């Protein structure tokens, strides 16, 4: 009774294969959606018009010939993007972030992941 396996080897192999295939498929779908979204945003950016209603031609050098009085005033747009992440090498975390708050959040998540990993490793030996 102690030597009985809960799942035989071929079933485990099939499950592992499908999980790997699902991960690969999700990565490919993510790349395709990212490329599609980038092409749509680039197309929308190139179709913008300036304040006077003229269509902007971003590929042209005619903008350099327009005097400063004719150019519309540039509005200052500020955007703050905060990011952080954790790379787990086994139970050892590598933490990075664009600011202190993101790094703190990533550190807390890394500690939780590290403890979870250690608990799983410890439970597998008993």
N, C-alpha and C. Protein backbone atom coordinates (compact mmCIF):
# COMPACT_ATOMS: atom_id res chain seq x y z
N UNK A 1 0.82 -1.19 0.00
CA UNK A 1 0.00 0.00 0.00
C UNK A 1 0.87 1.25 0.00
N UNK A 2 2.02 1.21 0.65
CA UNK A 2 2.89 2.38 0.71
C UNK A 2 3.56 2.66 -0.63
N UNK A 3 3.80 1.62 -1.43
CA UNK A 3 4.50 1.79 -2.70
C UNK A 3 3.59 2.14 -3.86
N UNK A 4 2.28 2.21 -3.63
CA UNK A 4 1.35 2.54 -4.70
C UNK A 4 1.48 4.01 -5.08
N UNK A 5 1.52 4.26 -6.38
CA UNK A 5 1.57 5.63 -6.87
C UNK A 5 0.15 6.12 -7.10
N UNK A 6 -0.10 7.38 -6.77
CA UNK A 6 -1.43 7.94 -6.97
C UNK A 6 -1.73 8.13 -8.45
N UNK A 7 -0.70 8.52 -9.21
CA UNK A 7 -0.84 8.73 -10.66
C UNK A 7 0.28 7.96 -11.33
N UNK A 8 -0.06 7.19 -12.35
CA UNK A 8 0.99 6.45 -13.04
C UNK A 8 1.81 7.38 -13.95
N UNK A 9 2.93 6.90 -14.44
CA UNK A 9 3.90 7.71 -15.18
C UNK A 9 3.36 8.28 -16.48
N UNK A 10 2.59 7.50 -17.24
CA UNK A 10 2.10 7.98 -18.53
C UNK A 10 1.07 9.09 -18.35
N UNK A 11 0.23 9.00 -17.33
CA UNK A 11 -0.74 10.06 -17.06
C UNK A 11 -0.04 11.33 -16.63
N UNK A 12 0.97 11.18 -15.79
CA UNK A 12 1.74 12.33 -15.34
C UNK A 12 2.46 13.01 -16.51
N UNK A 13 3.01 12.20 -17.42
CA UNK A 13 3.66 12.73 -18.62
C UNK A 13 2.67 13.49 -19.49
N UNK A 14 1.49 12.96 -19.68
CA UNK A 14 0.47 13.61 -20.50
C UNK A 14 0.03 14.93 -19.89
N UNK A 15 -0.18 14.94 -18.59
CA UNK A 15 -0.57 16.18 -17.90
C UNK A 15 0.53 17.23 -18.02
N UNK A 16 1.77 16.81 -17.80
CA UNK A 16 2.90 17.74 -17.93
C UNK A 16 3.03 18.29 -19.33
N UNK A 17 2.85 17.43 -20.33
CA UNK A 17 2.93 17.87 -21.73
C UNK A 17 1.86 18.92 -22.03
N UNK A 18 0.64 18.68 -21.58
CA UNK A 18 -0.44 19.63 -21.84
C UNK A 18 -0.24 20.95 -21.10
N UNK A 19 0.32 20.91 -19.90
CA UNK A 19 0.59 22.15 -19.17
C UNK A 19 1.66 22.97 -19.89
N UNK A 20 2.71 22.30 -20.36
CA UNK A 20 3.76 23.00 -21.11
C UNK A 20 3.19 23.57 -22.41
N UNK A 21 2.37 22.78 -23.10
CA UNK A 21 1.76 23.24 -24.35
C UNK A 21 0.83 24.42 -24.09
N UNK A 22 0.07 24.38 -23.00
CA UNK A 22 -0.82 25.48 -22.66
C UNK A 22 -0.03 26.75 -22.37
N UNK A 23 1.08 26.63 -21.63
CA UNK A 23 1.92 27.79 -21.37
C UNK A 23 2.50 28.38 -22.65
N UNK A 24 2.98 27.53 -23.55
CA UNK A 24 3.51 27.99 -24.83
C UNK A 24 2.43 28.69 -25.63
N UNK A 25 1.23 28.12 -25.65
CA UNK A 25 0.11 28.71 -26.38
C UNK A 25 -0.27 30.07 -25.81
N UNK A 26 -0.30 30.20 -24.48
CA UNK A 26 -0.62 31.48 -23.85
C UNK A 26 0.43 32.54 -24.17
N UNK A 27 1.69 32.16 -24.20
CA UNK A 27 2.74 33.12 -24.55
C UNK A 27 2.56 33.58 -26.00
N UNK A 28 2.28 32.67 -26.91
CA UNK A 28 2.08 33.04 -28.32
C UNK A 28 0.86 33.95 -28.48
N UNK A 29 -0.22 33.67 -27.77
CA UNK A 29 -1.41 34.52 -27.84
C UNK A 29 -1.09 35.90 -27.29
N UNK A 30 -0.35 35.97 -26.20
CA UNK A 30 0.05 37.26 -25.62
C UNK A 30 0.90 38.08 -26.58
N UNK A 31 1.83 37.43 -27.26
CA UNK A 31 2.68 38.14 -28.23
C UNK A 31 1.83 38.66 -29.39
N UNK A 32 0.92 37.83 -29.88
CA UNK A 32 0.07 38.25 -30.99
C UNK A 32 -0.83 39.41 -30.60
N UNK A 33 -1.43 39.35 -29.41
CA UNK A 33 -2.28 40.45 -28.96
C UNK A 33 -1.47 41.73 -28.74
N UNK A 34 -0.27 41.60 -28.24
CA UNK A 34 0.59 42.76 -28.03
C UNK A 34 0.94 43.42 -29.36
N UNK A 35 1.27 42.61 -30.35
CA UNK A 35 1.60 43.15 -31.67
C UNK A 35 0.38 43.83 -32.29
N UNK A 36 -0.80 43.23 -32.13
CA UNK A 36 -2.02 43.80 -32.68
C UNK A 36 -2.34 45.14 -32.01
N UNK A 37 -2.22 45.19 -30.69
CA UNK A 37 -2.51 46.42 -29.96
C UNK A 37 -1.50 47.52 -30.33
N UNK A 38 -0.24 47.16 -30.50
CA UNK A 38 0.78 48.14 -30.86
C UNK A 38 0.51 48.70 -32.26
N UNK A 39 0.08 47.86 -33.19
CA UNK A 39 -0.20 48.36 -34.54
C UNK A 39 -1.41 49.29 -34.53
N UNK A 40 -2.41 48.99 -33.70
CA UNK A 40 -3.59 49.86 -33.61
C UNK A 40 -3.23 51.19 -32.98
N UNK A 41 -2.40 51.20 -31.94
CA UNK A 41 -2.05 52.46 -31.29
C UNK A 41 -1.16 53.30 -32.18
N UNK A 42 -0.27 52.69 -32.95
CA UNK A 42 0.57 53.42 -33.89
C UNK A 42 -0.27 54.03 -34.99
N UNK A 43 -1.25 53.29 -35.47
CA UNK A 43 -2.13 53.80 -36.52
C UNK A 43 -2.97 54.96 -36.00
N UNK A 44 -3.47 54.86 -34.79
CA UNK A 44 -4.26 55.95 -34.22
C UNK A 44 -3.39 57.17 -33.98
N UNK A 45 -2.13 56.99 -33.62
CA UNK A 45 -1.23 58.12 -33.37
C UNK A 45 -0.92 58.84 -34.68
N UNK A 46 -0.76 58.11 -35.77
CA UNK A 46 -0.41 58.76 -37.04
C UNK A 46 -1.60 59.47 -37.67
N UNK A 47 -2.82 59.20 -37.23
CA UNK A 47 -4.00 59.85 -37.80
C UNK A 47 -4.46 61.06 -36.99
N UNK A 48 -3.69 61.53 -36.03
CA UNK A 48 -4.08 62.66 -35.21
C UNK A 48 -3.95 63.97 -35.99
N UNK A 49 -4.74 64.93 -35.53
CA UNK A 49 -4.65 66.27 -36.11
C UNK A 49 -4.21 67.23 -35.02
N UNK A 50 -3.60 68.35 -35.43
CA UNK A 50 -3.15 69.31 -34.43
C UNK A 50 -4.28 70.25 -34.06
N UNK A 51 -4.01 71.27 -33.28
CA UNK A 51 -5.04 72.17 -32.76
C UNK A 51 -5.77 72.91 -33.88
N UNK A 52 -5.05 73.27 -34.92
CA UNK A 52 -5.67 74.02 -36.02
C UNK A 52 -6.47 73.14 -36.96
N UNK A 53 -6.49 71.83 -36.73
CA UNK A 53 -7.29 70.94 -37.55
C UNK A 53 -6.52 70.31 -38.69
N UNK A 54 -5.24 70.67 -38.83
CA UNK A 54 -4.44 70.07 -39.90
C UNK A 54 -4.01 68.68 -39.50
N UNK A 55 -3.93 67.81 -40.47
CA UNK A 55 -3.48 66.45 -40.19
C UNK A 55 -1.96 66.46 -40.03
N UNK A 56 -1.50 65.88 -38.95
CA UNK A 56 -0.07 65.79 -38.72
C UNK A 56 0.54 64.75 -39.63
N UNK A 57 1.65 65.09 -40.24
CA UNK A 57 2.39 64.14 -41.05
C UNK A 57 3.72 63.93 -40.35
N UNK A 58 3.80 62.87 -39.55
CA UNK A 58 4.97 62.67 -38.72
C UNK A 58 6.19 62.23 -39.51
N UNK A 59 5.99 61.75 -40.72
CA UNK A 59 7.13 61.30 -41.51
C UNK A 59 7.73 62.40 -42.35
N UNK A 60 7.14 63.56 -42.39
CA UNK A 60 7.57 64.64 -43.26
C UNK A 60 8.55 65.56 -42.54
N UNK A 61 9.37 66.25 -43.31
CA UNK A 61 10.28 67.24 -42.75
C UNK A 61 9.73 68.65 -42.92
N UNK A 62 8.48 68.77 -43.36
CA UNK A 62 7.88 70.09 -43.55
C UNK A 62 7.66 70.81 -42.23
N UNK A 63 7.61 70.06 -41.12
CA UNK A 63 7.42 70.69 -39.82
C UNK A 63 8.54 71.66 -39.49
N UNK A 64 9.73 71.39 -39.99
CA UNK A 64 10.86 72.26 -39.70
C UNK A 64 10.74 73.59 -40.44
N UNK A 65 9.92 73.63 -41.51
CA UNK A 65 9.75 74.86 -42.28
C UNK A 65 8.68 75.77 -41.68
N UNK A 66 7.84 75.25 -40.77
CA UNK A 66 6.78 76.05 -40.18
C UNK A 66 7.40 76.94 -39.11
N UNK A 67 6.99 78.19 -39.08
CA UNK A 67 7.55 79.11 -38.10
C UNK A 67 7.03 78.76 -36.70
N UNK A 68 7.69 79.28 -35.69
CA UNK A 68 7.31 78.98 -34.31
C UNK A 68 5.93 79.53 -33.96
N UNK A 69 5.51 80.62 -34.63
CA UNK A 69 4.20 81.20 -34.33
C UNK A 69 3.07 80.28 -34.82
N UNK A 70 3.29 79.52 -35.88
CA UNK A 70 2.25 78.67 -36.44
C UNK A 70 2.14 77.34 -35.71
N UNK A 71 3.19 76.95 -35.02
CA UNK A 71 3.15 75.66 -34.34
C UNK A 71 2.26 75.75 -33.11
N UNK A 72 1.46 74.74 -32.87
CA UNK A 72 0.62 74.75 -31.67
C UNK A 72 1.49 74.55 -30.44
N UNK A 73 1.02 75.10 -29.32
CA UNK A 73 1.78 74.95 -28.09
C UNK A 73 1.72 73.49 -27.63
N UNK A 74 2.84 73.02 -27.20
CA UNK A 74 2.91 71.62 -26.75
C UNK A 74 2.40 71.53 -25.32
N UNK A 75 1.50 70.60 -25.12
CA UNK A 75 0.98 70.38 -23.77
C UNK A 75 1.86 69.37 -23.08
N UNK A 76 2.15 69.65 -21.83
CA UNK A 76 3.00 68.75 -21.07
C UNK A 76 2.14 67.65 -20.46
N UNK A 77 2.47 66.43 -20.79
CA UNK A 77 1.73 65.29 -20.28
C UNK A 77 2.67 64.49 -19.39
N UNK A 78 2.24 64.28 -18.16
CA UNK A 78 3.04 63.48 -17.24
C UNK A 78 2.34 62.15 -17.01
N UNK A 79 3.11 61.13 -17.08
CA UNK A 79 2.57 59.80 -16.76
C UNK A 79 3.56 59.10 -15.85
N UNK A 80 3.01 58.47 -14.86
CA UNK A 80 3.85 57.75 -13.92
C UNK A 80 3.55 56.26 -14.06
N UNK A 81 4.56 55.53 -14.43
CA UNK A 81 4.43 54.09 -14.52
C UNK A 81 5.34 53.49 -13.48
N UNK A 82 4.74 52.74 -12.60
CA UNK A 82 5.51 52.10 -11.54
C UNK A 82 5.47 50.60 -11.78
N UNK A 83 6.63 49.98 -11.67
CA UNK A 83 6.71 48.55 -11.92
C UNK A 83 7.70 47.92 -10.98
N UNK A 84 7.48 46.68 -10.70
CA UNK A 84 8.39 45.91 -9.87
C UNK A 84 8.23 44.45 -10.21
N UNK A 85 9.21 43.67 -9.83
CA UNK A 85 9.13 42.26 -10.15
C UNK A 85 10.07 41.43 -9.29
N UNK A 86 9.87 40.15 -9.40
CA UNK A 86 10.67 39.19 -8.65
C UNK A 86 11.05 38.07 -9.61
N UNK A 87 12.31 37.71 -9.60
CA UNK A 87 12.78 36.54 -10.33
C UNK A 87 13.19 35.52 -9.27
N UNK A 88 12.54 34.39 -9.28
CA UNK A 88 12.83 33.36 -8.28
C UNK A 88 13.80 32.34 -8.88
N UNK A 89 14.96 32.22 -8.29
CA UNK A 89 15.92 31.17 -8.65
C UNK A 89 15.88 30.14 -7.54
N UNK A 90 14.97 29.19 -7.70
CA UNK A 90 14.71 28.25 -6.61
C UNK A 90 14.05 29.02 -5.50
N UNK A 91 14.56 28.90 -4.27
CA UNK A 91 13.97 29.67 -3.17
C UNK A 91 14.59 31.05 -3.00
N UNK A 92 15.54 31.42 -3.85
CA UNK A 92 16.25 32.69 -3.70
C UNK A 92 15.62 33.74 -4.63
N UNK A 93 15.15 34.86 -4.08
CA UNK A 93 14.52 35.89 -4.92
C UNK A 93 15.51 36.95 -5.39
N UNK A 94 15.28 37.45 -6.60
CA UNK A 94 15.97 38.63 -7.11
C UNK A 94 14.87 39.67 -7.30
N UNK A 95 14.97 40.78 -6.58
CA UNK A 95 13.90 41.77 -6.53
C UNK A 95 14.33 43.03 -7.29
N UNK A 96 13.43 43.59 -8.10
CA UNK A 96 13.71 44.85 -8.78
C UNK A 96 12.44 45.68 -8.83
N UNK A 97 12.61 47.00 -8.95
CA UNK A 97 11.46 47.89 -9.02
C UNK A 97 11.87 49.27 -9.49
N UNK A 98 10.91 50.01 -10.03
CA UNK A 98 11.19 51.35 -10.54
C UNK A 98 11.18 52.40 -9.43
N UNK A 99 10.56 52.09 -8.31
CA UNK A 99 10.55 52.99 -7.17
C UNK A 99 10.51 52.17 -5.88
N UNK A 100 10.62 52.86 -4.74
CA UNK A 100 10.70 52.16 -3.46
C UNK A 100 9.43 51.38 -3.15
N UNK A 101 8.28 51.97 -3.45
CA UNK A 101 7.01 51.31 -3.13
C UNK A 101 6.84 50.02 -3.92
N UNK A 102 7.19 50.04 -5.19
CA UNK A 102 7.10 48.83 -6.01
C UNK A 102 8.08 47.77 -5.53
N UNK A 103 9.28 48.19 -5.15
CA UNK A 103 10.27 47.24 -4.64
C UNK A 103 9.82 46.64 -3.32
N UNK A 104 9.18 47.44 -2.45
CA UNK A 104 8.67 46.91 -1.18
C UNK A 104 7.59 45.86 -1.42
N UNK A 105 6.68 46.16 -2.33
CA UNK A 105 5.61 45.21 -2.66
C UNK A 105 6.20 43.93 -3.23
N UNK A 106 7.18 44.08 -4.12
CA UNK A 106 7.82 42.90 -4.71
C UNK A 106 8.57 42.11 -3.65
N UNK A 107 9.18 42.80 -2.68
CA UNK A 107 9.91 42.11 -1.61
C UNK A 107 8.96 41.30 -0.74
N UNK A 108 7.80 41.87 -0.43
CA UNK A 108 6.81 41.15 0.38
C UNK A 108 6.32 39.91 -0.37
N UNK A 109 6.04 40.06 -1.65
CA UNK A 109 5.62 38.91 -2.45
C UNK A 109 6.74 37.88 -2.56
N UNK A 110 7.98 38.34 -2.65
CA UNK A 110 9.11 37.41 -2.73
C UNK A 110 9.25 36.61 -1.44
N UNK A 111 9.06 37.27 -0.31
CA UNK A 111 9.15 36.56 0.97
C UNK A 111 8.05 35.51 1.07
N UNK A 112 6.85 35.86 0.64
CA UNK A 112 5.75 34.90 0.66
C UNK A 112 6.05 33.72 -0.26
N UNK A 113 6.55 34.01 -1.47
CA UNK A 113 6.90 32.93 -2.40
C UNK A 113 8.03 32.07 -1.86
N UNK A 114 9.01 32.70 -1.24
CA UNK A 114 10.15 31.96 -0.68
C UNK A 114 9.68 31.03 0.43
N UNK A 115 8.84 31.52 1.33
CA UNK A 115 8.32 30.67 2.41
C UNK A 115 7.45 29.54 1.86
N UNK A 116 6.64 29.84 0.86
CA UNK A 116 5.80 28.82 0.24
C UNK A 116 6.66 27.74 -0.40
N UNK A 117 7.72 28.15 -1.09
CA UNK A 117 8.63 27.19 -1.72
C UNK A 117 9.32 26.32 -0.67
N UNK A 118 9.79 26.94 0.39
CA UNK A 118 10.45 26.17 1.45
C UNK A 118 9.49 25.19 2.11
N UNK A 119 8.23 25.58 2.30
CA UNK A 119 7.24 24.68 2.89
C UNK A 119 6.95 23.50 1.96
N UNK A 120 6.88 23.76 0.67
CA UNK A 120 6.63 22.67 -0.28
C UNK A 120 7.82 21.72 -0.32
N UNK A 121 9.06 22.27 -0.34
CA UNK A 121 10.23 21.41 -0.34
C UNK A 121 10.31 20.58 0.95
N UNK A 122 10.01 21.20 2.05
CA UNK A 122 10.08 20.50 3.34
C UNK A 122 9.01 19.41 3.42
N UNK A 123 7.83 19.69 2.92
CA UNK A 123 6.75 18.70 2.95
C UNK A 123 7.03 17.53 2.03
N UNK A 124 7.78 17.74 0.97
CA UNK A 124 8.04 16.65 0.03
C UNK A 124 9.03 15.64 0.58
N UNK A 125 9.81 16.00 1.63
CA UNK A 125 10.76 15.08 2.21
C UNK A 125 10.15 14.21 3.29
N UNK A 126 8.95 14.51 3.75
CA UNK A 126 8.32 13.72 4.81
C UNK A 126 7.24 12.84 4.28
